[in-house]
Amino acid sequence: MLRAISLADTYKYTAKPNPVVGALILKDEIIISEGAHERFGENHAEINAIEGANKQFGKSFESFADLILICTLEPCNHSGKTGPCTKAIIDSGIKKVIIGSEDPNPIVAGKGIDKLIENGINVEVGLCKNLVERQNKFFFFKHKNKRPYLTAKIASSADGKSHKKDGRSTWITCEESRQDVQRVRAKYDAILTGGNTVRDDNPRMNARVNFEVNQPKKILLSNKHDLKETGNNFFRDAEVQVITEINLKKIISSFQDLEYCSILIEAGPKLVNAFLLNDLIDELIIYQSQDLLGLNGVDWFKKDNAIENLGFKLESSYKIKTDTKYIYKKNVKR
């Protein structure tokens, strides 16, 4: 199972917004084949493992009934972008399946396990369950809480400022921190920002990384309908979901039925604080430089220690060259 979990992790940037899943097929203690859900919309892990085993039939084994399938997440029992994995398992003749965790998606939850058992397959569930859930934390959070996991990312001066009052553009953090941001973006299903940020900063807000990634979708909160016609970088080579609704809780609730399991919020103090005060942020990432902006700077937060006052707890902090990266998480069990 640990091997299957490790294999699944290889594709965390290309399987999203689906969960990552790994699968192995064994004869006794020998691995016959392995597979993973490599890309969104393509074969699931179990299918790839079975196809690999088919190539070994008559060489490494004589009957699928002698094999054991290990998979990190419950096989699906419905047709989506691909066919049901349960049918492929049943048709293969495999008689034992070990599953890491039940799938929290109501479309799947328990139905795949029941289907296998109904067809005479010996099923065990729960091996390394916590590791599988941790590996797919966004996916499990979405189905438990009926909304995506929300992370706000900000860059702050040493004195807690966001930008200069006169509107002049300036880099607050170092180049290495900005490179780290690209890797953070690559983890999320969508990036959300506000009209002022798009208008003032002209950001691209994509994941500029040196590995294959499903680029995060883009969400813009703005009641200005002319931003797209300005040729702004945010709209370059991307479909942007523009939302004019101003009630943030209603907006996030509307994402329940979309494929987003995680959203990274990159915006200015007004919008970030609105999300915080509505208790909608689950994680806060702060890149803090050693430089001061002084009286000419705009504060991120109105009160000292505002982050802790809003119920966040520091989980980790470490240096990125001259900057410090802080990761805060909501200090409640959701």
Protein backbone atom coordinates (compact mmCIF):
# COMPACT_ATOMS: atom_id res chain seq x y z
CA MET A 1 0.00 0.00 0.00
CA LEU A 2 2.85 2.38 0.76
CA ARG A 3 4.23 1.69 -2.71
CA ALA A 4 0.82 2.46 -4.23
CA ILE A 5 0.58 5.72 -2.26
CA SER A 6 4.05 6.74 -3.42
CA LEU A 7 3.18 5.90 -7.03
CA ALA A 8 0.01 7.97 -6.86
CA ASP A 9 1.91 11.01 -5.60
CA THR A 10 3.91 11.14 -8.84
CA TYR A 11 0.84 12.45 -10.64
CA LYS A 12 -0.48 15.00 -8.13
CA TYR A 13 -0.11 17.88 -10.59
CA THR A 14 -1.79 16.16 -13.56
CA ALA A 15 -4.61 14.12 -11.98
CA LYS A 16 -6.17 17.14 -10.24
CA PRO A 17 -8.94 18.03 -9.64
CA ASN A 18 -9.42 14.26 -9.33
CA PRO A 19 -7.79 12.54 -6.35
CA VAL A 20 -4.48 10.78 -6.90
CA VAL A 21 -4.78 6.99 -6.82
CA GLY A 22 -2.21 4.21 -7.06
CA ALA A 23 -2.75 0.48 -7.61
CA LEU A 24 -0.66 -2.69 -7.55
CA ILE A 25 -1.46 -6.24 -8.58
CA LEU A 26 0.36 -8.99 -6.69
CA LYS A 27 0.85 -12.73 -6.90
CA ASP A 28 1.88 -13.81 -3.45
CA GLU A 29 4.43 -11.07 -2.60
CA ILE A 30 5.57 -10.41 -6.16
CA ILE A 31 4.38 -7.26 -7.97
CA ILE A 32 2.92 -8.30 -11.32
CA SER A 33 1.93 -4.78 -12.42
CA GLU A 34 1.19 -1.33 -11.13
CA GLY A 35 -0.76 1.68 -12.27
CA ALA A 36 -1.81 5.18 -11.28
CA HIS A 37 -4.39 7.73 -12.27
CA GLU A 38 -1.94 9.75 -14.32
CA ARG A 39 -4.02 12.47 -15.94
CA PHE A 40 -7.46 13.96 -15.41
CA GLY A 41 -9.95 12.34 -17.80
CA GLU A 42 -7.74 9.34 -18.52
CA ASN A 43 -7.70 5.76 -17.17
CA HIS A 44 -7.99 5.25 -13.44
CA ALA A 45 -5.22 3.46 -11.54
CA GLU A 46 -7.00 0.10 -11.38
CA ILE A 47 -7.50 0.00 -15.17
CA ASN A 48 -3.82 0.75 -15.82
CA ALA A 49 -2.77 -1.97 -13.36
CA ILE A 50 -5.10 -4.55 -14.94
CA GLU A 51 -3.86 -3.66 -18.43
CA GLY A 52 -0.30 -4.15 -17.19
CA ALA A 53 -1.21 -7.53 -15.69
CA ASN A 54 -2.80 -8.66 -18.97
CA LYS A 55 0.62 -8.34 -20.59
CA GLN A 56 2.05 -10.75 -17.99
CA PHE A 57 -0.71 -13.34 -18.31
CA GLY A 58 0.77 -16.77 -19.04
CA LYS A 59 4.24 -15.52 -18.10
CA SER A 60 4.16 -14.44 -14.46
CA PHE A 61 0.81 -16.06 -13.57
CA GLU A 62 -1.82 -18.40 -15.00
CA SER A 63 -5.04 -17.12 -13.43
CA PHE A 64 -6.28 -13.70 -12.28
CA ALA A 65 -8.00 -15.54 -9.43
CA ASP A 66 -4.54 -15.99 -7.90
CA LEU A 67 -3.89 -12.24 -7.82
CA ILE A 68 -4.53 -9.49 -5.27
CA LEU A 69 -5.34 -5.91 -6.26
CA ILE A 70 -4.17 -3.19 -3.89
CA CYS A 71 -5.59 0.30 -4.52
CA THR A 72 -5.34 3.44 -2.42
CA LEU A 73 -8.92 4.62 -2.97
CA GLU A 74 -12.20 2.77 -3.46
CA PRO A 75 -12.78 1.81 -7.11
CA CYS A 76 -15.58 3.74 -8.80
CA ASN A 77 -18.83 2.05 -9.78
CA HIS A 78 -20.14 4.67 -12.21
CA SER A 79 -19.38 5.92 -15.70
CA GLY A 80 -17.89 9.38 -15.89
CA LYS A 81 -15.04 10.35 -18.17
CA THR A 82 -14.05 6.66 -17.99
CA GLY A 83 -15.98 3.43 -17.38
CA PRO A 84 -16.54 1.90 -13.92
CA CYS A 85 -13.42 0.35 -12.42
CA THR A 86 -15.51 -2.22 -10.55
CA LYS A 87 -16.61 -3.79 -13.84
CA ALA A 88 -13.02 -4.07 -15.04
CA ILE A 89 -11.99 -5.71 -11.74
CA ILE A 90 -14.90 -8.14 -11.78
CA ASP A 91 -14.36 -9.01 -15.45
CA SER A 92 -10.65 -9.62 -14.84
CA GLY A 93 -11.36 -12.48 -12.42
CA ILE A 94 -9.43 -10.98 -9.48
CA LYS A 95 -10.84 -12.39 -6.23
CA LYS A 96 -9.25 -10.19 -3.56
CA VAL A 97 -9.03 -6.38 -3.33
CA ILE A 98 -7.35 -4.37 -0.55
CA ILE A 99 -8.45 -0.72 -0.41
CA GLY A 100 -6.79 2.11 1.48
CA SER A 101 -9.85 4.32 2.00
CA GLU A 102 -13.49 4.52 1.05
CA ASP A 103 -14.16 7.31 -1.45
CA PRO A 104 -15.93 10.30 0.22
CA ASN A 105 -17.64 11.33 -3.03
CA PRO A 106 -21.35 10.46 -2.60
CA ILE A 107 -21.42 9.15 -6.18
CA VAL A 108 -18.90 6.48 -5.17
CA ALA A 109 -18.94 6.17 -1.37
CA GLY A 110 -19.37 2.51 -0.49
CA LYS A 111 -21.01 1.63 -3.80
CA GLY A 112 -17.80 0.36 -5.38
CA ILE A 113 -17.03 -1.81 -2.35
CA ASP A 114 -20.58 -3.20 -2.29
CA LYS A 115 -20.42 -4.05 -6.00
CA LEU A 116 -17.20 -6.01 -5.58
CA ILE A 117 -18.54 -7.94 -2.57
CA GLU A 118 -21.80 -8.72 -4.41
CA ASN A 119 -19.70 -10.37 -7.11
CA GLY A 120 -17.85 -12.68 -4.74
CA ILE A 121 -14.70 -10.61 -4.30
CA ASN A 122 -12.99 -10.57 -0.89
CA VAL A 123 -12.59 -6.88 0.04
CA GLU A 124 -10.53 -5.36 2.86
CA VAL A 125 -10.75 -1.62 3.57
CA GLY A 126 -8.71 0.75 5.74
CA LEU A 127 -5.05 -0.11 5.18
CA CYS A 128 -3.06 3.16 5.60
CA LYS A 129 -6.38 5.04 5.53
CA ASN A 130 -4.99 8.17 7.20
CA LEU A 131 -2.13 8.43 4.72
CA VAL A 132 -4.52 8.18 1.77
CA GLU A 133 -6.79 10.87 3.24
CA ARG A 134 -3.81 13.13 3.94
CA GLN A 135 -2.52 12.63 0.41
CA ASN A 136 -5.90 13.74 -0.97
CA LYS A 137 -6.72 16.33 1.70
CA PHE A 138 -8.40 18.75 -0.73
CA PHE A 139 -10.63 16.01 -2.17
CA PHE A 140 -11.69 14.70 1.23
CA PHE A 141 -12.25 18.24 2.56
CA LYS A 142 -14.48 19.14 -0.39
CA HIS A 143 -16.82 16.21 0.13
CA LYS A 144 -16.91 16.55 3.92
CA ASN A 145 -17.53 20.29 3.98
CA LYS A 146 -19.47 20.74 0.71
CA ARG A 147 -17.07 23.42 -0.50
CA PRO A 148 -13.48 23.69 -1.75
CA TYR A 149 -10.48 24.08 0.56
CA LEU A 150 -9.53 27.79 0.52
CA THR A 151 -5.99 29.08 0.95
CA ALA A 152 -5.07 32.76 0.89
CA LYS A 153 -1.53 33.66 -0.20
CA ILE A 154 -0.10 37.09 0.55
CA ALA A 155 3.25 38.88 0.28
CA SER A 156 4.02 41.20 3.18
CA SER A 157 6.71 43.67 4.10
CA ALA A 158 8.38 43.34 7.49
CA ASP A 159 5.98 45.95 8.87
CA GLY A 160 2.89 44.14 7.60
CA LYS A 161 2.23 46.16 4.45
CA SER A 162 0.77 44.98 1.17
CA HIS A 163 1.70 47.73 -1.29
CA LYS A 164 2.38 51.45 -1.55
CA LYS A 165 -0.45 53.92 -1.13
CA ASP A 166 0.55 55.84 -4.24
CA GLY A 167 -0.14 52.77 -6.34
CA ARG A 168 3.40 52.38 -7.65
CA SER A 169 4.16 48.73 -8.36
CA THR A 170 6.96 47.18 -6.34
CA TRP A 171 8.22 43.68 -5.62
CA ILE A 172 8.03 43.01 -1.89
CA THR A 173 9.58 39.53 -1.79
CA CYS A 174 12.69 38.01 -3.35
CA GLU A 175 12.89 36.08 -6.62
CA GLU A 176 13.17 32.75 -4.79
CA SER A 177 9.88 33.38 -2.96
CA ARG A 178 8.18 34.22 -6.23
CA GLN A 179 9.43 30.94 -7.68
CA ASP A 180 8.03 29.11 -4.66
CA VAL A 181 4.65 30.72 -5.33
CA GLN A 182 4.60 29.04 -8.76
CA ARG A 183 4.89 25.62 -7.11
CA VAL A 184 2.12 26.53 -4.65
CA ARG A 185 -0.16 27.55 -7.52
CA ALA A 186 0.47 24.23 -9.24
CA LYS A 187 -1.16 22.38 -6.32
CA TYR A 188 -4.52 24.13 -6.58
CA ASP A 189 -7.50 23.56 -8.86
CA ALA A 190 -8.32 27.25 -9.21
CA ILE A 191 -6.95 30.72 -8.46
CA LEU A 192 -9.31 33.48 -7.34
CA THR A 193 -8.67 37.21 -7.36
CA GLY A 194 -10.49 40.54 -7.45
CA GLY A 195 -10.96 43.22 -10.04
CA ASN A 196 -8.64 45.73 -8.36
CA THR A 197 -5.74 43.27 -8.38
CA VAL A 198 -6.28 42.45 -12.06
CA ARG A 199 -6.58 46.11 -12.96
CA ASP A 200 -3.65 47.42 -10.89
CA ASP A 201 -1.12 44.58 -11.13
CA ASN A 202 -1.93 43.02 -14.53
CA PRO A 203 -0.99 39.53 -13.19
CA ARG A 204 -0.87 36.27 -15.15
CA MET A 205 -1.55 34.11 -12.08
CA ASN A 206 -0.71 30.80 -13.71
CA ALA A 207 1.73 28.15 -12.49
CA ARG A 208 5.02 28.80 -14.29
CA VAL A 209 6.84 25.58 -13.41
CA ASN A 210 9.25 23.21 -15.15
CA PHE A 211 7.01 20.14 -14.86
CA GLU A 212 3.70 19.04 -16.38
CA VAL A 213 0.71 20.51 -14.58
CA ASN A 214 -3.01 20.98 -15.09
CA GLN A 215 -3.09 24.76 -14.94
CA PRO A 216 -5.45 26.08 -12.25
CA LYS A 217 -8.72 27.53 -13.49
CA LYS A 218 -9.19 31.27 -12.98
CA ILE A 219 -11.95 32.98 -11.03
CA LEU A 220 -12.46 36.76 -11.02
CA LEU A 221 -14.74 38.53 -8.56
CA SER A 222 -15.73 41.82 -10.19
CA ASN A 223 -18.81 43.76 -11.21
CA LYS A 224 -16.86 45.48 -13.98
CA HIS A 225 -17.72 43.86 -17.29
CA ASP A 226 -15.01 45.54 -19.36
CA LEU A 227 -11.91 43.99 -17.77
CA LYS A 228 -11.73 41.17 -20.30
CA GLU A 229 -11.60 43.65 -23.18
CA THR A 230 -8.52 45.38 -21.75
CA GLY A 231 -6.17 42.58 -22.88
CA ASN A 232 -5.10 41.99 -19.30
CA ASN A 233 -2.63 39.14 -18.65
CA PHE A 234 -5.12 37.39 -16.37
CA PHE A 235 -7.25 36.47 -19.40
CA ARG A 236 -4.34 35.31 -21.55
CA ASP A 237 -4.75 31.72 -22.82
CA ALA A 238 -7.30 30.89 -20.16
CA GLU A 239 -11.01 30.72 -19.57
CA VAL A 240 -11.96 32.96 -16.67
CA GLN A 241 -15.08 32.52 -14.59
CA VAL A 242 -16.27 36.07 -13.83
CA ILE A 243 -18.54 36.36 -10.80
CA THR A 244 -20.47 39.56 -10.00
CA GLU A 245 -22.15 38.26 -6.84
CA ILE A 246 -20.86 40.08 -3.74
CA ASN A 247 -21.92 37.61 -1.02
CA LEU A 248 -18.78 35.52 -0.49
CA LYS A 249 -20.49 32.68 1.35
CA LYS A 250 -22.99 32.35 -1.48
CA ILE A 251 -20.15 32.35 -4.02
CA ILE A 252 -18.20 29.61 -2.27
CA SER A 253 -21.36 27.58 -1.71
CA SER A 254 -21.99 27.72 -5.47
CA PHE A 255 -18.72 25.85 -6.06
CA GLN A 256 -20.10 22.73 -4.34
CA ASP A 257 -21.15 21.14 -7.61
CA LEU A 258 -18.07 22.21 -9.60
CA GLU A 259 -14.88 20.19 -9.92
CA TYR A 260 -12.82 22.56 -7.77
CA CYS A 261 -11.57 20.87 -4.61
CA SER A 262 -9.11 23.66 -3.77
CA ILE A 263 -8.87 27.39 -4.49
CA LEU A 264 -5.89 29.67 -3.96
CA ILE A 265 -6.89 33.27 -3.23
CA GLU A 266 -4.42 35.91 -4.42
CA ALA A 267 -5.86 39.34 -3.87
CA GLY A 268 -5.43 42.61 -2.03
CA PRO A 269 -6.13 43.36 1.66
CA LYS A 270 -9.80 44.27 1.15
CA LEU A 271 -10.81 40.97 -0.47
CA VAL A 272 -8.51 38.77 1.64
CA ASN A 273 -9.85 40.31 4.84
CA ALA A 274 -13.42 39.87 3.62
CA PHE A 275 -12.79 36.12 3.22
CA LEU A 276 -11.12 35.96 6.63
CA LEU A 277 -13.91 37.81 8.41
CA ASN A 278 -16.47 35.50 6.78
CA ASP A 279 -14.56 32.52 8.22
CA LEU A 280 -13.92 31.10 4.76
CA ILE A 281 -10.14 30.68 4.84
CA ASP A 282 -8.69 27.31 5.87
CA GLU A 283 -5.02 28.10 5.33
CA LEU A 284 -2.99 31.29 5.10
CA ILE A 285 0.44 31.49 3.47
CA ILE A 286 2.50 34.61 4.12
CA TYR A 287 5.76 35.43 2.35
CA GLN A 288 7.35 38.13 4.50
CA SER A 289 10.35 40.16 3.40
CA GLN A 290 12.88 41.96 5.58
CA ASP A 291 12.10 45.31 3.93
CA LEU A 292 9.87 48.03 5.34
CA LEU A 293 7.29 50.06 3.43
CA GLY A 294 6.64 52.45 6.29
CA LEU A 295 3.92 55.08 6.34
CA ASN A 296 3.56 54.91 2.58
CA GLY A 297 2.39 51.30 2.83
CA VAL A 298 -1.11 49.82 3.02
CA ASP A 299 -1.66 47.49 5.99
CA TRP A 300 -2.66 43.88 5.42
CA PHE A 301 -4.47 43.71 8.75
CA LYS A 302 -5.98 46.42 10.93
CA LYS A 303 -5.09 44.86 14.27
CA ASP A 304 -1.83 43.45 15.59
CA ASN A 305 -1.83 39.65 15.75
CA ALA A 306 -4.95 39.62 13.59
CA ILE A 307 -4.17 36.18 12.22
CA GLU A 308 -4.16 34.52 15.64
CA ASN A 309 -7.23 36.55 16.67
CA LEU A 310 -9.10 35.03 13.74
CA GLY A 311 -8.39 31.51 14.96
CA PHE A 312 -5.29 30.56 13.00
CA LYS A 313 -2.33 28.65 14.35
CA LEU A 314 1.19 28.78 12.95
CA GLU A 315 2.00 25.39 11.48
CA SER A 316 5.43 26.06 10.00
CA SER A 317 7.89 28.79 9.09
CA TYR A 318 11.17 28.69 7.20
CA LYS A 319 13.55 30.96 5.36
CA ILE A 320 13.55 31.43 1.61
CA LYS A 321 16.77 33.38 1.09
CA THR A 322 16.02 36.80 2.66
CA ASP A 323 12.30 36.13 3.18
CA THR A 324 10.35 33.98 5.62
CA LYS A 325 7.44 31.79 4.57
CA TYR A 326 4.75 31.32 7.24
CA ILE A 327 1.96 28.76 6.95
CA TYR A 328 -1.06 29.21 9.22
CA LYS A 329 -3.99 26.83 9.47
CA LYS A 330 -7.39 27.26 11.04
CA ASN A 331 -7.13 26.15 14.66
CA VAL A 332 -10.37 24.17 14.58
CA LYS A 333 -11.22 20.72 13.33
CA ARG A 334 -13.42 21.13 10.28
